[in-house]
Structures are given as C-alpha cells and as structure tokens.
C-alpha cells in the first residue's frame, strides 16, 4: 500500500489532530498557490450545438431548475428573464460569465488536504515543515479516495456539463490542475465537504521529525501517539546530508532515544553556529591585520620612491 505523507508544523492543531484521530481539510482560498483552482471555459465541443440554439435550451433548463430567478439571477445583465427573452439566443460572454459564477460559488463548498508520496524531499521539508522544525505524517489511506494532481494547463470546464448535468465533477476537476512549477510536490489531494477526515488507528503509519524539532515537543508527541493509537506507529528522524543537498532518515525506538538524539542535533547546531561566528570574527580580524600590513608596506614604498638611494 502506498504511504501518503503530510508535512506540517508542530502546533496545537497538530496535537489536536493526532489526539482526535482526524485530518484537517482546509479551504482552497488559504492555499499558497496564487493561481489555485483556476480554470478555463471549454467551448470547442459545443460550437455546433451553440449555433443550433443551445443557448435557448440552456436557458430553459435553468428556468426549470429555478436557478435564474433565485441564486444566479445576478449573473445576467437583463433585469427580467421572461417572455421573449426565452427565444433570444444568449451570447457567449453571458454564458461564460454564468459558468464562471456557477463554478466559483460551488468551489467554496469544498475543502482540501494535500499529501505527497515522497518523505525525503528537501523542498517539502523547507516549505511546509518549518525548515525541518516540523514533522511529516505518513498515512495509509485508500488510494481511490485521493486524487493525483496533473501539472500543466488549467482544467477546461465543459459548458454543457455545468448547466445540463451535475457540475460536481467539473468543480472537483478544477482542484486537480496546477502549474508545472509545482511538479516537485508530487501532490495528491483528498477533497470533500467536511472540515475533518476521520482515520482509524492503523491509518497512521509513521511520524518523521525534522532534526531541528524541539526535543521536548517531539517527545510529547511520541508519548501521546503511543498512548492513543493501538498499533505501533513508526517514528523517525530526518536529517540533512552533510555531503550533498539530500535528506535521509532513521528509525528511533523510544521517546528517550528521540529526545537525546534531537538534543544532540540541537547542540551540534549551536556548536556549528558558534564555530561559524568565531570563524567569521577571525576572518575579519585577519583582514584588519592584512590592511595594517598593506598600509605599512605602502608607506615604505612611497618613502623609497621619494628618497631613492
């Protein structure tokens, strides 16, 4: 079974999620992609039908559904859509405006949470786990409930599907496209209408702590999970490689080992920072010495030029 990983910071929401055995689904408007859920209107398949009077059919369908006279009446420029308006073809821009409103309004009723299949991606640790101060949660989830992101052009929404059929599949599809620059995330999405997705004891497979995690918080989380979940959750520590840009991880067996190991990394960071500060200070002091030597040598050379022997 595929393990899906969710990167996050350590905060009260993480603790609550682990204790209550659920996963939080956020509103798309709070995601970090500025082009989140953008889409285009696809007319290509309907051109001939449009020319044969599909606008009238669409308008009649909308009236029968009661959409125009209530929620979506503001989508149209006309004050009243009655009588002769039914036999006047709707222009393309009017239909397009209506379709955009339908989709945008429908998108607001959905919530999403994101996963990836890679637990050792340095960009994911940097962007979503507070620079390795957070965690990566590994879940065993039904693959048929998660949707894989396609990286490329925005989804093309079918006009006819919005009006004459259920728009639900069209709305969901708008959440499954992202620009190719996001491809490194290898993202999968869980999409629903509820705020939380409940999980079972065995759905939580692993927790990987970044090596910069607060040791006390990490130990608390490990003890909490061991107490709340009936099966054995795997605990790991992820570290950055010293020889390249990669990330590696290793298993820790108990909370004391976790605490001591993270403490050691904490000390290593402090020692390195002190070393860097000392080295920087030594470097600048050596520069000052060099400058003094340079000034004294320059004076000798000038004297030699003025008073040649």
Protein backbone atom coordinates (compact mmCIF):
# COMPACT_ATOMS: atom_id res chain seq x y z
CA UNK A 1 0.00 0.00 0.00
CA UNK A 2 1.21 3.49 -0.85
CA UNK A 3 2.12 5.73 2.09
CA UNK A 4 0.94 9.32 1.68
CA UNK A 5 2.89 11.96 3.59
CA UNK A 6 1.61 15.22 5.01
CA UNK A 7 4.13 17.87 6.08
CA UNK A 8 3.21 20.31 8.82
CA UNK A 9 4.47 22.49 11.64
CA UNK A 10 4.31 21.46 15.28
CA UNK A 11 1.48 23.40 16.90
CA UNK A 12 -1.75 22.90 18.83
CA UNK A 13 -3.63 21.93 15.65
CA UNK A 14 -1.25 19.02 15.03
CA UNK A 15 -1.67 17.80 18.62
CA UNK A 16 -5.45 18.04 18.35
CA UNK A 17 -5.46 16.18 15.03
CA UNK A 18 -3.34 13.33 16.42
CA UNK A 19 -5.40 13.07 19.61
CA UNK A 20 -8.78 13.13 17.85
CA UNK A 21 -7.57 10.86 15.01
CA UNK A 22 -8.53 13.07 12.11
CA UNK A 23 -7.04 15.09 9.27
CA UNK A 24 -7.98 18.71 8.76
CA UNK A 25 -9.27 19.82 5.35
CA UNK A 26 -8.64 23.48 4.58
CA UNK A 27 -10.45 25.94 2.34
CA UNK A 28 -8.69 26.32 -1.06
CA UNK A 29 -8.56 30.11 -0.70
CA UNK A 30 -5.95 29.70 2.05
CA UNK A 31 -3.52 27.66 -0.08
CA UNK A 32 -0.16 29.10 -1.07
CA UNK A 33 -0.66 28.81 -4.84
CA UNK A 34 -1.85 32.23 -6.11
CA UNK A 35 -3.44 30.50 -9.13
CA UNK A 36 -5.19 27.85 -7.04
CA UNK A 37 -8.22 26.24 -8.76
CA UNK A 38 -8.13 28.47 -11.84
CA UNK A 39 -9.86 27.09 -14.91
CA UNK A 40 -10.91 27.85 -18.48
CA UNK A 41 -14.27 27.54 -20.21
CA UNK A 42 -14.26 24.92 -22.97
CA UNK A 43 -16.43 25.77 -25.97
CA UNK A 44 -14.88 23.53 -28.61
CA UNK A 45 -17.19 20.54 -28.17
CA UNK A 46 -20.34 22.68 -28.17
CA UNK A 47 -19.80 25.07 -31.05
CA UNK A 48 -22.23 23.35 -33.41
CA UNK A 49 -24.88 22.95 -30.73
CA UNK A 50 -24.41 26.56 -29.72
CA UNK A 51 -25.09 27.60 -33.29
CA UNK A 52 -28.21 25.43 -33.41
CA UNK A 53 -29.76 27.20 -30.46
CA UNK A 54 -28.24 25.55 -27.41
CA UNK A 55 -28.40 28.88 -25.55
CA UNK A 56 -32.19 28.68 -25.58
CA UNK A 57 -32.08 25.09 -24.36
CA UNK A 58 -29.71 26.06 -21.59
CA UNK A 59 -31.86 28.99 -20.58
CA UNK A 60 -34.98 26.83 -20.44
CA UNK A 61 -33.12 24.25 -18.36
CA UNK A 62 -32.04 26.96 -15.94
CA UNK A 63 -35.56 28.27 -15.59
CA UNK A 64 -36.88 24.77 -14.96
CA UNK A 65 -34.28 24.32 -12.23
CA UNK A 66 -35.27 27.66 -10.74
CA UNK A 67 -31.66 28.86 -10.80
CA UNK A 68 -32.08 32.09 -12.69
CA UNK A 69 -34.94 33.55 -10.69
CA UNK A 70 -33.15 32.86 -7.40
CA UNK A 71 -29.49 32.41 -6.69
CA UNK A 72 -27.96 33.11 -10.10
CA UNK A 73 -30.19 35.87 -11.41
CA UNK A 74 -27.43 38.41 -10.77
CA UNK A 75 -25.23 36.59 -13.30
CA UNK A 76 -27.22 38.15 -16.11
CA UNK A 77 -27.30 41.71 -17.35
CA UNK A 78 -31.04 41.64 -18.08
CA UNK A 79 -33.39 42.73 -15.36
CA UNK A 80 -36.04 40.10 -16.11
CA UNK A 81 -35.71 36.83 -17.99
CA UNK A 82 -39.25 36.17 -19.08
CA UNK A 83 -41.36 36.04 -22.21
CA UNK A 84 -39.48 37.00 -25.36
CA UNK A 85 -36.13 36.62 -23.59
CA UNK A 86 -36.53 32.85 -23.85
CA UNK A 87 -36.33 32.93 -27.64
CA UNK A 88 -33.39 35.33 -27.83
CA UNK A 89 -30.08 33.50 -28.13
CA UNK A 90 -27.76 34.12 -25.21
CA UNK A 91 -24.43 35.50 -26.27
CA UNK A 92 -21.17 33.73 -25.47
CA UNK A 93 -19.91 36.21 -22.90
CA UNK A 94 -23.16 35.95 -20.94
CA UNK A 95 -22.98 32.15 -20.78
CA UNK A 96 -19.31 32.30 -19.88
CA UNK A 97 -20.00 34.75 -17.06
CA UNK A 98 -22.74 32.48 -15.78
CA UNK A 99 -20.49 29.39 -15.89
CA UNK A 100 -17.70 31.14 -14.01
CA UNK A 101 -20.12 32.15 -11.29
CA UNK A 102 -21.53 28.63 -11.02
CA UNK A 103 -18.07 27.09 -10.62
CA UNK A 104 -16.63 29.74 -8.29
CA UNK A 105 -19.65 29.53 -5.99
CA UNK A 106 -19.52 25.73 -5.99
CA UNK A 107 -15.78 25.70 -5.21
CA UNK A 108 -16.48 27.46 -1.92
CA UNK A 109 -18.32 24.41 -0.58
CA UNK A 110 -15.28 22.13 -0.91
CA UNK A 111 -12.34 21.58 1.40
CA UNK A 112 -8.98 20.01 0.59
CA UNK A 113 -5.93 18.49 2.25
CA UNK A 114 -2.72 17.65 0.42
CA UNK A 115 -0.25 14.77 0.53
CA UNK A 116 2.84 13.63 -1.31
CA UNK A 117 4.45 10.24 -1.88
CA UNK A 118 7.97 11.47 -1.04
CA UNK A 119 9.09 11.73 2.57
CA UNK A 120 12.63 12.94 1.81
CA UNK A 121 12.02 15.96 -0.41
CA UNK A 122 14.08 18.89 0.96
CA UNK A 123 11.73 21.46 -0.59
CA UNK A 124 8.72 19.95 1.16
CA UNK A 125 10.58 19.98 4.48
CA UNK A 126 11.61 23.57 3.88
CA UNK A 127 8.26 24.91 2.70
CA UNK A 128 5.75 23.02 4.83
CA UNK A 129 7.58 21.75 7.92
CA UNK A 130 9.11 24.96 9.19
CA UNK A 131 12.61 24.29 7.88
CA UNK A 132 12.82 20.80 9.45
CA UNK A 133 11.41 22.02 12.77
CA UNK A 134 8.14 20.26 11.98
CA UNK A 135 7.04 16.74 11.07
CA UNK A 136 5.98 14.52 8.21
CA UNK A 137 2.96 12.32 8.95
CA UNK A 138 2.73 9.09 6.97
CA UNK A 139 -0.77 7.72 6.34
CA UNK A 140 -2.18 4.52 4.88
CA UNK A 141 -5.21 5.86 3.03
CA UNK A 142 -7.49 4.32 0.38
CA UNK A 143 -5.92 5.21 -2.96
CA UNK A 144 -9.33 5.59 -4.60
CA UNK A 145 -10.16 8.47 -2.25
CA UNK A 146 -7.13 10.55 -3.22
CA UNK A 147 -6.78 12.42 -6.49
CA UNK A 148 -3.45 12.91 -8.24
CA UNK A 149 -2.55 16.42 -9.35
CA UNK A 150 -1.90 16.96 -13.07
CA UNK A 151 0.75 19.60 -13.76
CA UNK A 152 0.21 21.73 -16.84
CA UNK A 153 -2.55 23.94 -18.23
CA UNK A 154 -5.71 24.83 -16.26
CA UNK A 155 -8.67 22.46 -16.46
CA UNK A 156 -11.11 23.21 -19.29
CA UNK A 157 -14.64 23.23 -17.91
CA UNK A 158 -17.33 21.91 -20.27
CA UNK A 159 -20.16 24.44 -20.60
CA UNK A 160 -22.86 21.86 -21.28
CA UNK A 161 -21.87 19.77 -18.26
CA UNK A 162 -22.28 22.71 -15.94
CA UNK A 163 -25.85 23.51 -16.96
CA UNK A 164 -27.45 20.33 -18.26
CA UNK A 165 -25.68 17.88 -15.95
CA UNK A 166 -24.24 17.94 -12.44
CA UNK A 167 -21.37 20.38 -12.12
CA UNK A 168 -19.82 18.44 -9.23
CA UNK A 169 -17.27 16.51 -11.32
CA UNK A 170 -16.35 19.69 -13.17
CA UNK A 171 -15.73 21.51 -9.90
CA UNK A 172 -13.58 18.71 -8.46
CA UNK A 173 -11.51 18.65 -11.64
CA UNK A 174 -10.63 22.33 -11.22
CA UNK A 175 -8.83 21.37 -7.99
CA UNK A 176 -6.66 18.80 -9.76
CA UNK A 177 -4.57 21.02 -12.03
CA UNK A 178 -1.52 23.10 -11.11
CA UNK A 179 1.24 24.89 -12.95
CA UNK A 180 4.22 22.71 -13.88
CA UNK A 181 6.47 24.66 -11.48
CA UNK A 182 4.72 22.82 -8.61
CA UNK A 183 5.62 19.41 -10.02
CA UNK A 184 8.27 18.77 -7.36
CA UNK A 185 5.50 18.34 -4.77
CA UNK A 186 4.16 15.12 -6.39
CA UNK A 187 0.86 16.09 -4.83
CA UNK A 188 -2.26 14.05 -4.11
CA UNK A 189 -5.43 15.61 -2.75
CA UNK A 190 -8.23 14.48 -0.51
CA UNK A 191 -11.30 16.53 -1.47
CA UNK A 192 -14.53 16.72 0.47
CA UNK A 193 -17.15 18.96 2.02
CA UNK A 194 -16.40 18.22 5.66
CA UNK A 195 -13.86 20.01 7.83
CA UNK A 196 -12.28 16.79 9.13
CA UNK A 197 -11.50 13.35 7.70
CA UNK A 198 -11.60 10.64 10.35
CA UNK A 199 -8.88 7.98 10.40
CA UNK A 200 -8.55 4.62 12.11
CA UNK A 201 -5.74 3.51 14.42
CA UNK A 202 -3.91 1.70 11.64
CA UNK A 203 -4.16 4.59 9.16
CA UNK A 204 -1.34 6.49 10.87
CA UNK A 205 1.75 4.67 9.64
CA UNK A 206 4.65 6.88 10.73
CA UNK A 207 5.79 10.21 12.10
CA UNK A 208 9.10 11.65 10.94
CA UNK A 209 10.57 14.51 12.98
CA UNK A 210 12.85 17.06 11.39
CA UNK A 211 16.22 17.17 13.14
CA UNK A 212 15.56 20.77 14.23
CA UNK A 213 12.41 19.81 16.17
CA UNK A 214 12.11 20.92 19.75
CA UNK A 215 13.13 17.77 21.70
CA UNK A 216 10.50 18.26 24.41
CA UNK A 217 7.66 18.72 21.91
CA UNK A 218 8.81 15.72 19.87
CA UNK A 219 8.94 13.51 22.95
CA UNK A 220 5.46 14.65 23.98
CA UNK A 221 4.05 13.79 20.54
CA UNK A 222 5.65 10.33 20.58
CA UNK A 223 4.24 9.57 24.04
CA UNK A 224 0.80 10.86 23.04
CA UNK A 225 0.64 8.73 19.89
CA UNK A 226 1.86 5.60 21.68
CA UNK A 227 -0.90 6.07 24.23
CA UNK A 228 -3.76 6.97 21.88
CA UNK A 229 -3.11 4.57 18.97
CA UNK A 230 -3.49 0.84 19.43
CA UNK A 231 -0.95 -0.24 16.84
CA UNK A 232 2.77 0.50 16.59
CA UNK A 233 3.48 3.77 14.76
CA UNK A 234 6.97 4.07 13.26
CA UNK A 235 8.97 7.08 14.47
CA UNK A 236 11.88 8.53 12.51
CA UNK A 237 14.23 11.49 12.46
CA UNK A 238 15.03 13.20 9.16
CA UNK A 239 18.41 14.87 8.76
CA UNK A 240 20.08 16.84 6.01
CA UNK A 241 23.09 15.23 4.42
CA UNK A 242 26.49 16.80 5.10
CA UNK A 243 27.86 15.86 1.68
CA UNK A 244 25.02 16.91 -0.64
CA UNK A 245 21.54 18.50 -0.66
CA UNK A 246 19.65 15.31 0.19
CA UNK A 247 17.57 14.24 3.18
CA UNK A 248 17.93 10.90 4.96
CA UNK A 249 16.03 9.38 7.88
CA UNK A 250 16.43 6.69 10.51
CA UNK A 251 14.13 4.95 12.98
CA UNK A 252 14.09 5.69 16.71
CA UNK A 253 12.61 3.13 19.10
CA UNK A 254 11.50 5.12 22.14
CA UNK A 255 10.90 8.65 23.41
CA UNK A 256 14.15 8.80 25.37
CA UNK A 257 16.20 7.95 22.27
CA UNK A 258 14.22 10.52 20.29
CA UNK A 259 14.82 13.21 22.91
CA UNK A 260 18.55 12.51 23.27
CA UNK A 261 19.12 12.37 19.53
CA UNK A 262 17.33 15.65 18.88
CA UNK A 263 19.22 17.23 21.79
CA UNK A 264 22.49 16.15 20.20
CA UNK A 265 21.49 17.72 16.89
CA UNK A 266 20.46 20.85 18.76
CA UNK A 267 23.91 21.04 20.38
CA UNK A 268 25.57 20.33 17.05
CA UNK A 269 23.71 23.28 15.53
CA UNK A 270 24.74 25.54 18.40
CA UNK A 271 28.38 24.44 18.17
CA UNK A 272 28.35 24.96 14.41
CA UNK A 273 26.83 28.43 14.78
CA UNK A 274 29.45 29.35 17.41
CA UNK A 275 32.16 27.97 15.16
CA UNK A 276 30.86 29.98 12.22
CA UNK A 277 30.70 33.14 14.34
CA UNK A 278 34.24 32.55 15.65
CA UNK A 279 35.49 31.77 12.17
CA UNK A 280 33.82 34.90 10.80
CA UNK A 281 35.30 37.01 13.59
CA UNK A 282 38.76 35.51 12.99
CA UNK A 283 38.38 36.17 9.28
CA UNK A 284 37.60 39.85 9.75
CA UNK A 285 40.38 40.25 12.29
CA UNK A 286 42.80 38.73 9.80
CA UNK A 287 41.53 41.19 7.18
CA UNK A 288 42.27 44.08 9.54
CA UNK A 289 45.78 42.72 10.09
CA UNK A 290 46.26 42.47 6.34
CA UNK A 291 45.06 46.03 5.89
CA UNK A 292 47.52 47.29 8.51
CA UNK A 293 50.33 45.40 6.80
CA UNK A 294 49.26 46.82 3.48
CA UNK A 295 49.25 50.38 4.85
CA UNK A 296 52.72 50.00 6.38
CA UNK A 297 54.14 48.49 3.18
CA UNK A 298 52.59 51.29 1.15
CA UNK A 299 54.32 53.91 3.33
CA UNK A 300 57.67 52.21 2.84
CA UNK A 301 57.21 52.10 -0.89
CA UNK A 302 56.24 55.77 -1.08
CA UNK A 303 59.26 56.74 1.03
CA UNK A 304 61.51 54.73 -1.25
CA UNK A 305 60.09 56.49 -4.28
CA UNK A 306 60.52 59.95 -2.75
CA UNK A 307 64.04 59.24 -1.44
CA UNK A 308 65.70 56.86 -3.87
CA UNK A 309 69.07 55.53 -2.63
